Protein backbone atom coordinates (compact mmCIF):
# COMPACT_ATOMS: atom_id res chain seq x y z
CA ARG A 1 -42.54 -29.47 -53.64
CA PHE A 2 -42.89 -26.39 -51.51
CA ALA A 3 -40.04 -25.45 -49.17
CA PRO A 4 -40.78 -22.51 -46.83
CA ARG A 5 -38.43 -19.54 -47.10
CA ARG A 6 -37.37 -19.69 -43.45
CA MET A 7 -35.87 -23.16 -43.90
CA VAL A 8 -32.12 -23.26 -44.48
CA PRO A 9 -30.06 -26.05 -46.02
CA PHE A 10 -28.11 -28.39 -43.77
CA SER A 11 -24.48 -27.42 -43.29
CA PHE A 12 -21.64 -29.24 -41.60
CA PRO A 13 -18.39 -27.92 -40.13
CA LEU A 14 -15.34 -27.86 -42.37
CA SER A 15 -13.06 -30.88 -42.12
CA LYS A 16 -9.82 -32.03 -43.73
CA CYS A 17 -11.41 -34.97 -45.55
CA ALA A 18 -14.97 -35.32 -46.82
CA LEU A 19 -16.89 -38.55 -46.58
CA TRP A 20 -19.33 -37.52 -49.33
CA ASP A 21 -19.54 -35.28 -52.36
CA PRO A 22 -20.79 -31.87 -51.11
CA VAL A 23 -22.32 -30.88 -54.47
CA PRO A 24 -26.16 -30.64 -54.16
CA MET A 25 -28.07 -33.28 -56.13
CA GLY A 26 -31.78 -33.39 -56.93
CA ASP A 27 -34.67 -31.16 -55.95
CA VAL A 28 -35.02 -29.32 -52.65
CA ILE A 29 -37.31 -31.10 -50.19
CA GLY A 30 -38.84 -29.91 -46.94
CA ALA A 31 -37.55 -31.39 -43.69
CA HIS A 32 -40.33 -30.09 -41.45
CA VAL A 33 -41.77 -32.55 -38.95
CA THR A 34 -45.32 -32.17 -40.32
CA TYR A 35 -44.28 -32.51 -43.95
CA TYR A 36 -44.80 -36.29 -44.10
CA ARG A 37 -46.58 -37.07 -40.83
CA ASN A 38 -49.81 -36.16 -39.08
CA PRO A 39 -49.04 -34.43 -35.75
CA ARG A 40 -51.03 -35.03 -32.56
CA LEU A 41 -50.71 -33.11 -29.29
CA SER A 42 -51.42 -34.76 -25.95
CA LEU A 43 -51.39 -32.61 -22.81
CA VAL A 44 -51.65 -34.06 -19.30
CA GLU A 45 -54.43 -32.29 -17.36
CA LYS A 46 -52.31 -31.97 -14.22
CA THR A 47 -49.62 -30.10 -16.20
CA LEU A 48 -52.17 -27.73 -17.70
CA ARG A 49 -53.71 -26.99 -14.28
CA LEU A 50 -50.27 -26.33 -12.77
CA ALA A 51 -49.37 -23.91 -15.59
CA TYR A 52 -52.74 -22.14 -15.23
CA ARG A 53 -52.31 -21.80 -11.46
CA HIS A 54 -48.81 -20.39 -11.94
CA ALA A 55 -50.12 -17.87 -14.49
CA GLU A 56 -52.93 -16.79 -12.15
CA GLN A 57 -50.52 -16.26 -9.24
CA ASN A 58 -47.96 -14.37 -11.31
CA GLU A 59 -48.20 -10.59 -10.96
CA LYS A 60 -46.73 -9.89 -14.40
CA LYS A 61 -48.90 -9.95 -17.50
CA SER A 62 -46.25 -11.87 -19.39
CA PHE A 63 -43.87 -14.49 -18.01
CA SER A 64 -41.61 -17.27 -19.27
CA CYS A 65 -41.98 -20.96 -18.54
CA PHE A 66 -41.26 -24.36 -20.07
CA LEU A 67 -43.59 -27.17 -21.07
CA LEU A 68 -41.61 -30.40 -21.36
CA GLY A 69 -42.55 -33.67 -22.96
CA THR A 70 -41.71 -36.39 -25.43
CA LEU A 71 -42.00 -36.72 -29.18
CA ALA A 72 -42.69 -40.20 -30.57
CA ALA A 73 -43.63 -41.72 -33.91
CA ASP A 74 -46.90 -43.66 -33.92
CA GLU A 75 -46.79 -47.44 -34.31
CA ASP A 76 -48.26 -47.29 -37.81
CA GLY A 77 -45.60 -44.78 -38.88
CA GLU A 78 -48.22 -42.35 -40.19
CA GLY A 79 -48.15 -39.79 -37.39
CA ILE A 80 -46.22 -38.32 -34.52
CA THR A 81 -47.41 -37.58 -31.00
CA LEU A 82 -46.09 -34.79 -28.79
CA THR A 83 -46.96 -35.62 -25.18
CA ILE A 84 -46.52 -32.68 -22.79
CA ASP A 85 -46.37 -33.97 -19.24
CA ARG A 86 -44.18 -31.56 -17.23
CA PHE A 87 -44.29 -27.88 -16.35
CA ASP A 88 -41.22 -25.86 -15.34
CA PRO A 89 -41.81 -22.24 -14.28
CA GLY A 90 -38.15 -21.42 -14.97
CA ARG A 91 -36.14 -18.83 -13.11
CA GLU A 92 -36.77 -15.15 -12.69
CA VAL A 93 -33.13 -14.24 -13.39
């Protein structure tokens, strides 16, 4: 299976006793969210309009903001849905 180059293996902080054998076993697998599931994006219209209005009123060409939402697995277990329902313009400082 293909594992993108930018992915790094999981690592845990050092401890005095280990609860498992740290030696790698088996093939490398991808842990990306879309590797096994079909993603779906849902965006609330009010949030999109608010972000657009903020971009129109902003004097800068580029600005930072946050789109917040929830990530949930579908009932059938075959997909995931990212629902974006909040807009935060952030702070200037």
